[in-house]
Amino acid sequence: MTGSNPVKLVGSANGVAKVIVNDSSASAITAAGAAGMWTDLAGIWFRDFTVSGGGAAGGSDGGTPDAGPPDAGPPDAGPPDAGPPDAGPPDAGPPDAGPPTVIFSDNFNRTSGLGSNWRVVSGSWHTSATTPRAESDLDGSDQAVVQNLSCADCSVSAQVINFSAGVAELDLRQQSSNDRYDVALLANGTLQVRRHNGATVTVLGQAPSGIADLGWWATIGLSVTGSNPVKLVGSANGIAKVIVNDSSASAVTAAGTAGMWTDLAGIWFRDFTV
């Protein structure tokens, strides 16, 4: 903000000027004043609050307003007079408790098979300690679910390799009826979020995964929350790719376990985490 007749204002986002306006009205605020912050909701976060001066001392007609420090140097030698603006949590307290709690994980670093933490629903699986992984052994349905686990609002992720040949799928809200939600990496690199109701599979959303090499490890993940609607986020290498809501009568709203599935022998999974 510079000048008085008119007052010249530039609003930016991530360092890029987005709104440039002049205020020459009779209501223009021309006097010097303090800086501050405002929001309409508890729990909104702010940090790295910085006020830079020197706008009036430098040229205001052709330079980038935020191209560097003001030409007179830093306007002050310490924090703003009210203290660091981010010295404490928002007035409602931190909106979250930190990283999500891991309730189950398996890196499959063994040669003894999936073990007692898993139940094989169909097909066959083995594990390897040479290249730690769980690997499907049957051309057809290979499915395994975690024993003694139940969650409704949770997420699952794993590193997978489908070798551009089969489907690598992770499941949540897995029911005894085999109803569930999944995130599936297809042989062509497409990432899908799907709902299973018995033998009926419904694709709720899909997008290119962006995984450049399907012959090497990549992380896929699924987050499921809520019930009306059920909110689902499918991700690849930590980036959300498919975001959908399921408000249908067939939505899977009950808590369930997590699992993995593939349709081909030789598909690899590791670092399975719920």
Protein backbone atom coordinates (compact mmCIF):
# COMPACT_ATOMS: atom_id res chain seq x y z
CA MET A 1 0.00 0.00 0.00
CA THR A 2 1.44 3.37 -1.05
CA GLY A 3 0.42 6.94 -1.71
CA SER A 4 -2.56 9.06 -0.76
CA ASN A 5 -4.13 10.48 -3.92
CA PRO A 6 -4.81 7.87 -5.00
CA VAL A 7 -3.99 5.17 -2.44
CA LYS A 8 -2.42 2.36 -4.44
CA LEU A 9 -3.11 -1.21 -3.21
CA VAL A 10 -1.76 -4.56 -4.40
CA GLY A 11 -3.09 -7.87 -3.04
CA SER A 12 -0.99 -10.98 -3.68
CA ALA A 13 -1.08 -14.75 -3.15
CA ASN A 14 2.12 -16.81 -2.93
CA GLY A 15 4.12 -13.79 -4.07
CA VAL A 16 2.07 -13.16 -7.22
CA ALA A 17 0.06 -9.93 -7.55
CA LYS A 18 -3.62 -10.82 -7.96
CA VAL A 19 -5.54 -7.59 -7.26
CA ILE A 20 -4.20 -4.10 -8.14
CA VAL A 21 -6.49 -1.13 -7.40
CA ASN A 22 -6.36 2.62 -6.73
CA ASP A 23 -8.58 4.32 -4.13
CA SER A 24 -9.16 8.00 -4.87
CA SER A 25 -12.51 8.22 -3.11
CA ALA A 26 -13.36 10.69 -0.37
CA SER A 27 -13.37 7.73 2.05
CA ALA A 28 -9.78 6.70 1.29
CA ILE A 29 -7.63 6.06 4.38
CA THR A 30 -4.58 8.26 3.87
CA ALA A 31 -3.13 8.43 7.38
CA ALA A 32 -0.45 6.07 8.69
CA GLY A 33 -1.67 3.27 10.94
CA ALA A 34 -0.89 -0.10 12.46
CA ALA A 35 -0.94 -3.54 10.85
CA GLY A 36 -3.00 -6.48 12.07
CA MET A 37 -4.90 -9.62 11.22
CA TRP A 38 -8.55 -10.72 11.30
CA THR A 39 -10.70 -13.78 10.75
CA ASP A 40 -14.34 -14.69 11.31
CA LEU A 41 -13.75 -18.13 12.83
CA ALA A 42 -11.92 -19.71 15.76
CA GLY A 43 -9.06 -22.04 14.86
CA ILE A 44 -7.71 -20.15 11.82
CA TRP A 45 -3.91 -20.25 11.66
CA PHE A 46 -1.44 -17.45 10.88
CA ARG A 47 2.35 -17.46 10.88
CA ASP A 48 5.37 -15.53 9.54
CA PHE A 49 3.50 -12.25 9.99
CA THR A 50 5.73 -9.57 8.44
CA VAL A 51 5.26 -5.84 7.88
CA SER A 52 7.57 -4.15 5.35
CA GLY A 53 7.95 -0.39 5.02
CA GLY A 54 9.53 1.89 2.44
CA GLY A 55 6.78 1.74 -0.13
CA ALA A 56 6.53 5.51 -0.24
CA ALA A 57 10.29 5.98 -0.34
CA GLY A 58 10.74 3.85 -3.40
CA GLY A 59 9.10 4.04 -6.78
CA SER A 60 5.49 2.98 -6.81
CA ASP A 61 4.80 3.30 -10.51
CA GLY A 62 6.65 0.43 -12.15
CA GLY A 63 8.38 -1.98 -9.78
CA THR A 64 7.14 -5.14 -8.23
CA PRO A 65 5.79 -4.08 -4.82
CA ASP A 66 7.32 -7.09 -3.04
CA ALA A 67 10.46 -7.64 -5.12
CA GLY A 68 12.82 -7.36 -2.17
CA PRO A 69 13.57 -5.60 1.11
CA PRO A 70 12.60 -1.90 1.22
CA ASP A 71 15.40 0.35 -0.02
CA ALA A 72 15.96 1.83 3.42
CA GLY A 73 16.59 -1.56 5.02
CA PRO A 74 14.44 -3.45 7.51
CA PRO A 75 11.91 -1.08 9.07
CA ASP A 76 12.61 -2.26 12.60
CA ALA A 77 15.08 -4.33 14.52
CA GLY A 78 12.77 -6.70 16.29
CA PRO A 79 9.36 -8.25 16.38
CA PRO A 80 6.23 -6.11 16.02
CA ASP A 81 5.39 -4.14 19.14
CA ALA A 82 2.66 -6.60 20.12
CA GLY A 83 5.05 -9.53 20.20
CA PRO A 84 5.34 -12.39 17.76
CA PRO A 85 1.92 -12.78 16.09
CA ASP A 86 2.17 -16.55 16.17
CA ALA A 87 3.49 -16.98 19.70
CA GLY A 88 0.55 -19.11 20.75
CA PRO A 89 -2.17 -21.35 19.39
CA PRO A 90 -5.45 -19.90 18.04
CA ASP A 91 -7.95 -18.98 20.72
CA ALA A 92 -9.86 -22.22 20.24
CA GLY A 93 -6.76 -24.35 20.69
CA PRO A 94 -4.96 -26.32 18.03
CA PRO A 95 -7.51 -27.62 15.48
CA ASP A 96 -5.76 -30.96 15.36
CA ALA A 97 -3.63 -33.11 17.63
CA GLY A 98 -0.72 -33.59 15.27
CA PRO A 99 0.03 -36.43 12.89
CA PRO A 100 -2.62 -39.14 12.70
CA THR A 101 -2.17 -42.09 15.02
CA VAL A 102 -0.91 -45.26 13.35
CA ILE A 103 -3.21 -48.10 14.44
CA PHE A 104 -1.65 -50.81 12.26
CA SER A 105 1.41 -51.16 10.06
CA ASP A 106 3.28 -53.98 8.33
CA ASN A 107 6.42 -53.84 6.19
CA PHE A 108 6.27 -57.61 5.42
CA ASN A 109 9.98 -58.02 6.16
CA ARG A 110 9.82 -61.78 6.74
CA THR A 111 9.62 -65.09 4.92
CA SER A 112 6.87 -66.66 7.02
CA GLY A 113 3.88 -65.29 5.10
CA LEU A 114 1.29 -62.70 6.07
CA GLY A 115 0.96 -64.18 9.56
CA SER A 116 -1.65 -64.00 12.30
CA ASN A 117 -2.37 -60.28 11.85
CA TRP A 118 -3.94 -61.03 8.49
CA ARG A 119 -6.79 -63.16 7.18
CA VAL A 120 -6.54 -64.36 3.59
CA VAL A 121 -10.00 -63.99 2.05
CA SER A 122 -9.06 -65.41 -1.35
CA GLY A 123 -6.06 -66.46 -3.37
CA SER A 124 -2.57 -66.84 -1.95
CA TRP A 125 0.19 -64.58 -0.65
CA HIS A 126 3.84 -64.82 0.34
CA THR A 127 6.31 -62.42 1.91
CA SER A 128 9.98 -61.76 1.28
CA ALA A 129 12.81 -60.50 3.47
CA THR A 130 15.20 -60.02 0.54
CA THR A 131 13.06 -57.26 -0.94
CA PRO A 132 10.55 -56.79 1.91
CA ARG A 133 7.06 -57.12 0.48
CA ALA A 134 3.80 -59.02 0.35
CA GLU A 135 3.29 -60.60 -3.06
CA SER A 136 0.19 -62.16 -4.58
CA ASP A 137 0.57 -65.77 -5.71
CA LEU A 138 -2.56 -66.47 -7.75
CA ASP A 139 -3.83 -65.24 -11.11
CA GLY A 140 -7.31 -64.32 -9.96
CA SER A 141 -8.68 -62.74 -6.80
CA ASP A 142 -6.01 -62.33 -4.11
CA GLN A 143 -7.45 -60.60 -1.06
CA ALA A 144 -6.25 -60.22 2.53
CA VAL A 145 -7.68 -58.19 5.41
CA VAL A 146 -6.25 -57.08 8.75
CA GLN A 147 -7.47 -59.07 11.74
CA ASN A 148 -8.91 -57.40 14.86
CA LEU A 149 -9.08 -53.93 13.38
CA SER A 150 -12.10 -51.68 13.02
CA CYS A 151 -12.26 -48.02 12.06
CA ALA A 152 -14.78 -45.77 10.34
CA ASP A 153 -12.87 -42.52 9.87
CA CYS A 154 -9.36 -43.57 8.92
CA SER A 155 -6.87 -43.82 6.10
CA VAL A 156 -4.73 -46.53 4.54
CA SER A 157 -1.58 -46.27 2.46
CA ALA A 158 1.01 -48.63 1.04
CA GLN A 159 3.76 -48.72 -1.52
CA VAL A 160 2.86 -50.90 -4.49
CA ILE A 161 4.22 -52.11 -7.82
CA ASN A 162 1.69 -53.41 -10.35
CA PHE A 163 4.21 -53.71 -13.22
CA SER A 164 1.62 -52.23 -15.63
CA ALA A 165 -0.02 -55.65 -15.53
CA GLY A 166 -2.65 -55.85 -12.79
CA VAL A 167 -4.63 -53.90 -10.21
CA ALA A 168 -3.14 -52.93 -6.84
CA GLU A 169 -5.96 -52.11 -4.43
CA LEU A 170 -6.17 -50.93 -0.81
CA ASP A 171 -9.42 -51.28 1.13
CA LEU A 172 -11.20 -49.53 4.02
CA ARG A 173 -14.48 -50.13 5.87
CA GLN A 174 -14.17 -53.78 4.84
CA GLN A 175 -17.28 -55.66 6.01
CA SER A 176 -17.83 -59.39 6.52
CA SER A 177 -20.11 -59.21 3.46
CA ASN A 178 -17.08 -57.94 1.48
CA ASP A 179 -18.70 -54.50 1.10
CA ARG A 180 -15.90 -51.92 1.21
CA TYR A 181 -14.28 -48.87 -0.35
CA ASP A 182 -11.00 -49.04 -2.23
CA VAL A 183 -8.35 -47.03 -3.97
CA ALA A 184 -7.10 -48.95 -7.00
CA LEU A 185 -4.06 -48.38 -9.19
CA LEU A 186 -4.88 -49.87 -12.59
CA ALA A 187 -2.45 -51.38 -15.08
CA ASN A 188 -2.69 -48.25 -17.27
CA GLY A 189 -1.79 -45.92 -14.38
CA THR A 190 -5.32 -44.68 -13.69
CA LEU A 191 -6.22 -44.22 -10.03
CA GLN A 192 -9.79 -45.09 -9.08
CA VAL A 193 -11.87 -44.78 -5.92
CA ARG A 194 -14.52 -47.50 -5.86
CA ARG A 195 -17.30 -48.95 -3.75
CA HIS A 196 -17.90 -52.70 -3.47
CA ASN A 197 -21.35 -53.99 -2.57
CA GLY A 198 -20.91 -57.74 -2.66
CA ALA A 199 -19.87 -58.57 -6.22
CA THR A 200 -20.97 -55.17 -7.57
CA VAL A 201 -18.16 -52.66 -8.05
CA THR A 202 -19.02 -48.98 -8.59
CA VAL A 203 -16.36 -46.51 -9.74
CA LEU A 204 -17.00 -43.33 -7.76
CA GLY A 205 -14.20 -41.32 -9.35
CA GLN A 206 -10.96 -41.67 -11.26
CA ALA A 207 -7.99 -39.64 -12.47
CA PRO A 208 -4.50 -40.20 -13.89
CA SER A 209 -2.25 -41.20 -11.01
CA GLY A 210 0.75 -39.30 -12.34
CA ILE A 211 3.00 -42.24 -11.44
CA ALA A 212 5.73 -42.20 -14.07
CA ASP A 213 7.11 -45.71 -13.54
CA LEU A 214 4.64 -48.49 -12.73
CA GLY A 215 7.58 -50.87 -12.49
CA TRP A 216 8.84 -49.26 -9.30
CA TRP A 217 7.51 -48.45 -5.85
CA ALA A 218 4.83 -45.78 -5.61
CA THR A 219 2.56 -44.90 -2.70
CA ILE A 220 -1.21 -45.01 -3.03
CA GLY A 221 -3.62 -44.07 -0.28
CA LEU A 222 -7.28 -43.77 0.65
CA SER A 223 -8.97 -41.65 3.31
CA VAL A 224 -12.59 -42.31 4.31
CA THR A 225 -14.59 -40.13 6.71
CA GLY A 226 -18.20 -39.38 7.56
CA SER A 227 -21.46 -41.08 6.79
CA ASN A 228 -23.85 -38.66 5.09
CA PRO A 229 -22.11 -38.26 2.78
CA VAL A 230 -19.11 -40.55 3.02
CA LYS A 231 -16.09 -38.47 1.99
CA LEU A 232 -13.31 -40.27 0.13
CA VAL A 233 -9.89 -39.07 -1.00
CA GLY A 234 -7.64 -41.22 -3.18
CA SER A 235 -4.00 -40.20 -3.44
CA ALA A 236 -0.83 -41.12 -5.31
CA ASN A 237 2.59 -40.33 -3.86
CA GLY A 238 0.96 -38.11 -1.25
CA ILE A 239 -1.02 -35.98 -3.71
CA ALA A 240 -4.83 -36.10 -3.69
CA LYS A 241 -6.02 -37.24 -7.11
CA VAL A 242 -9.65 -38.29 -6.59
CA ILE A 243 -12.00 -36.54 -4.13
CA VAL A 244 -15.59 -37.80 -4.06
CA ASN A 245 -18.64 -37.94 -1.78
CA ASP A 246 -20.87 -41.00 -1.56
CA SER A 247 -24.41 -40.20 -0.42
CA SER A 248 -26.07 -43.14 -2.16
CA ALA A 249 -28.26 -45.72 -0.43
CA SER A 250 -25.44 -48.22 -1.03
CA ALA A 251 -22.83 -46.20 0.86
CA VAL A 252 -20.74 -48.20 3.32
CA THR A 253 -21.21 -46.25 6.56
CA ALA A 254 -20.21 -48.80 9.20
CA ALA A 255 -16.73 -49.17 10.63
CA GLY A 256 -14.68 -51.99 9.17
CA THR A 257 -11.20 -53.29 8.70
CA ALA A 258 -8.54 -52.52 6.09
CA GLY A 259 -7.02 -54.76 3.46
CA MET A 260 -5.46 -55.25 0.06
CA TRP A 261 -6.53 -56.95 -3.14
CA THR A 262 -5.23 -57.70 -6.60
CA ASP A 263 -6.32 -59.69 -9.62
CA LEU A 264 -2.93 -61.07 -10.65
CA ALA A 265 -0.01 -63.05 -9.26
CA GLY A 266 3.21 -61.11 -8.75
CA ILE A 267 1.80 -57.75 -7.58
CA TRP A 268 3.90 -56.21 -4.78
CA PHE A 269 2.82 -54.37 -1.61
CA ARG A 270 4.93 -52.97 1.26
CA ASP A 271 4.77 -50.42 4.10
CA PHE A 272 1.05 -51.01 4.62
CA THR A 273 -0.17 -48.43 7.16
CA VAL A 274 -3.56 -47.62 8.69
